[in-house]
C-alpha atoms as a PDB file:
ATOM      1  CA  UNK A   1      39.504  30.166  19.064  1.00  0.00           C
ATOM      2  CA  UNK A   2      42.424  30.019  16.737  1.00  0.00           C
ATOM      3  CA  UNK A   3      40.935  29.403  13.296  1.00  0.00           C
ATOM      4  CA  UNK A   4      40.787  25.781  12.189  1.00  0.00           C
ATOM      5  CA  UNK A   5      41.952  24.550  15.601  1.00  0.00           C
ATOM      6  CA  UNK A   6      40.416  23.727  18.950  1.00  0.00           C
ATOM      7  CA  UNK A   7      42.843  26.034  20.726  1.00  0.00           C
ATOM      8  CA  UNK A   8      41.051  28.846  22.540  1.00  0.00           C
ATOM      9  CA  UNK A   9      42.307  32.302  23.334  1.00  0.00           C
ATOM     10  CA  UNK A  10      41.536  31.442  26.965  1.00  0.00           C
ATOM     11  CA  UNK A  11      43.941  28.507  26.835  1.00  0.00           C
ATOM     12  CA  UNK A  12      46.704  30.609  25.284  1.00  0.00           C
ATOM     13  CA  UNK A  13      46.166  33.289  27.950  1.00  0.00           C
ATOM     14  CA  UNK A  14      46.267  30.684  30.729  1.00  0.00           C
ATOM     15  CA  UNK A  15      49.497  29.218  29.374  1.00  0.00           C
ATOM     16  CA  UNK A  16      51.072  32.656  29.157  1.00  0.00           C
ATOM     17  CA  UNK A  17      49.922  33.488  32.702  1.00  0.00           C
ATOM     18  CA  UNK A  18      51.516  30.221  33.853  1.00  0.00           C
ATOM     19  CA  UNK A  19      54.829  31.507  32.513  1.00  0.00           C
ATOM     20  CA  UNK A  20      55.057  29.666  29.200  1.00  0.00           C
ATOM     21  CA  UNK A  21      56.752  31.490  26.340  1.00  0.00           C
ATOM     22  CA  UNK A  22      55.357  31.662  22.831  1.00  0.00           C
ATOM     23  CA  UNK A  23      58.044  29.174  21.747  1.00  0.00           C
ATOM     24  CA  UNK A  24      56.924  26.750  24.454  1.00  0.00           C
ATOM     25  CA  UNK A  25      53.272  27.106  23.497  1.00  0.00           C
ATOM     26  CA  UNK A  26      54.093  26.391  19.838  1.00  0.00           C
ATOM     27  CA  UNK A  27      56.153  23.376  20.947  1.00  0.00           C
ATOM     28  CA  UNK A  28      53.142  22.093  22.931  1.00  0.00           C
ATOM     29  CA  UNK A  29      50.813  22.630  19.971  1.00  0.00           C
ATOM     30  CA  UNK A  30      52.960  22.229  16.836  1.00  0.00           C
ATOM     31  CA  UNK A  31      49.975  22.613  14.514  1.00  0.00           C
ATOM     32  CA  UNK A  32      49.798  26.344  15.385  1.00  0.00           C
ATOM     33  CA  UNK A  33      52.294  29.034  14.433  1.00  0.00           C
ATOM     34  CA  UNK A  34      53.903  31.794  16.415  1.00  0.00           C
ATOM     35  CA  UNK A  35      51.680  34.332  14.656  1.00  0.00           C
ATOM     36  CA  UNK A  36      48.590  32.464  15.898  1.00  0.00           C
ATOM     37  CA  UNK A  37      49.792  32.708  19.492  1.00  0.00           C
ATOM     38  CA  UNK A  38      50.627  36.401  19.144  1.00  0.00           C
ATOM     39  CA  UNK A  39      47.217  37.044  17.570  1.00  0.00           C
ATOM     40  CA  UNK A  40      45.514  35.187  20.424  1.00  0.00           C
ATOM     41  CA  UNK A  41      47.486  37.148  23.017  1.00  0.00           C
ATOM     42  CA  UNK A  42      46.644  40.409  21.246  1.00  0.00           C
ATOM     43  CA  UNK A  43      42.959  39.491  21.344  1.00  0.00           C
ATOM     44  CA  UNK A  44      43.307  38.544  25.011  1.00  0.00           C
ATOM     45  CA  UNK A  45      44.827  41.891  25.952  1.00  0.00           C
ATOM     46  CA  UNK A  46      42.112  43.724  23.999  1.00  0.00           C
ATOM     47  CA  UNK A  47      39.411  41.718  25.867  1.00  0.00           C
ATOM     48  CA  UNK A  48      41.260  41.035  29.122  1.00  0.00           C
ATOM     49  CA  UNK A  49      38.380  41.604  31.549  1.00  0.00           C
ATOM     50  CA  UNK A  50      36.035  39.280  29.651  1.00  0.00           C
ATOM     51  CA  UNK A  51      38.597  36.501  29.184  1.00  0.00           C
ATOM     52  CA  UNK A  52      39.888  36.742  32.757  1.00  0.00           C
ATOM     53  CA  UNK A  53      36.297  36.207  33.878  1.00  0.00           C
ATOM     54  CA  UNK A  54      36.087  33.084  31.686  1.00  0.00           C
ATOM     55  CA  UNK A  55      39.386  31.839  33.134  1.00  0.00           C
ATOM     56  CA  UNK A  56      38.069  32.330  36.675  1.00  0.00           C
ATOM     57  CA  UNK A  57      34.754  30.650  35.871  1.00  0.00           C
ATOM     58  CA  UNK A  58      36.554  27.596  34.531  1.00  0.00           C
ATOM     59  CA  UNK A  59      38.468  26.938  37.722  1.00  0.00           C
ATOM     60  CA  UNK A  60      37.406  23.992  39.834  1.00  0.00           C
ATOM     61  CA  UNK A  61      37.258  26.141  42.980  1.00  0.00           C
ATOM     62  CA  UNK A  62      34.776  28.482  41.336  1.00  0.00           C
ATOM     63  CA  UNK A  63      32.367  25.653  40.567  1.00  0.00           C
ATOM     64  CA  UNK A  64      32.743  24.024  43.972  1.00  0.00           C
ATOM     65  CA  UNK A  65      31.818  27.315  45.634  1.00  0.00           C
ATOM     66  CA  UNK A  66      29.062  28.089  43.140  1.00  0.00           C
ATOM     67  CA  UNK A  67      27.401  24.680  43.546  1.00  0.00           C
ATOM     68  CA  UNK A  68      28.011  24.061  47.253  1.00  0.00           C
ATOM     69  CA  UNK A  69      24.300  24.495  48.097  1.00  0.00           C
ATOM     70  CA  UNK A  70      23.144  22.105  45.372  1.00  0.00           C
ATOM     71  CA  UNK A  71      21.508  18.878  46.564  1.00  0.00           C
ATOM     72  CA  UNK A  72      23.678  16.716  44.355  1.00  0.00           C
ATOM     73  CA  UNK A  73      26.759  18.037  46.197  1.00  0.00           C
ATOM     74  CA  UNK A  74      25.668  16.420  49.457  1.00  0.00           C
END
């Protein structure tokens, strides 16, 4: 998380992976600064495997597949 915000490093990483620039991310979330985004991206690249796993686990397809045998899915 970016301190004193609800913006997660995962979200910043997902936005960057989607092709958004730092300027665009700051425009989307004007209460954060460029330095916050760069710090989040630095943290992401230092913990890439862990955060990529979180990104994957938060996809709808992941949960559909993971819960397909559950009774409530029927």
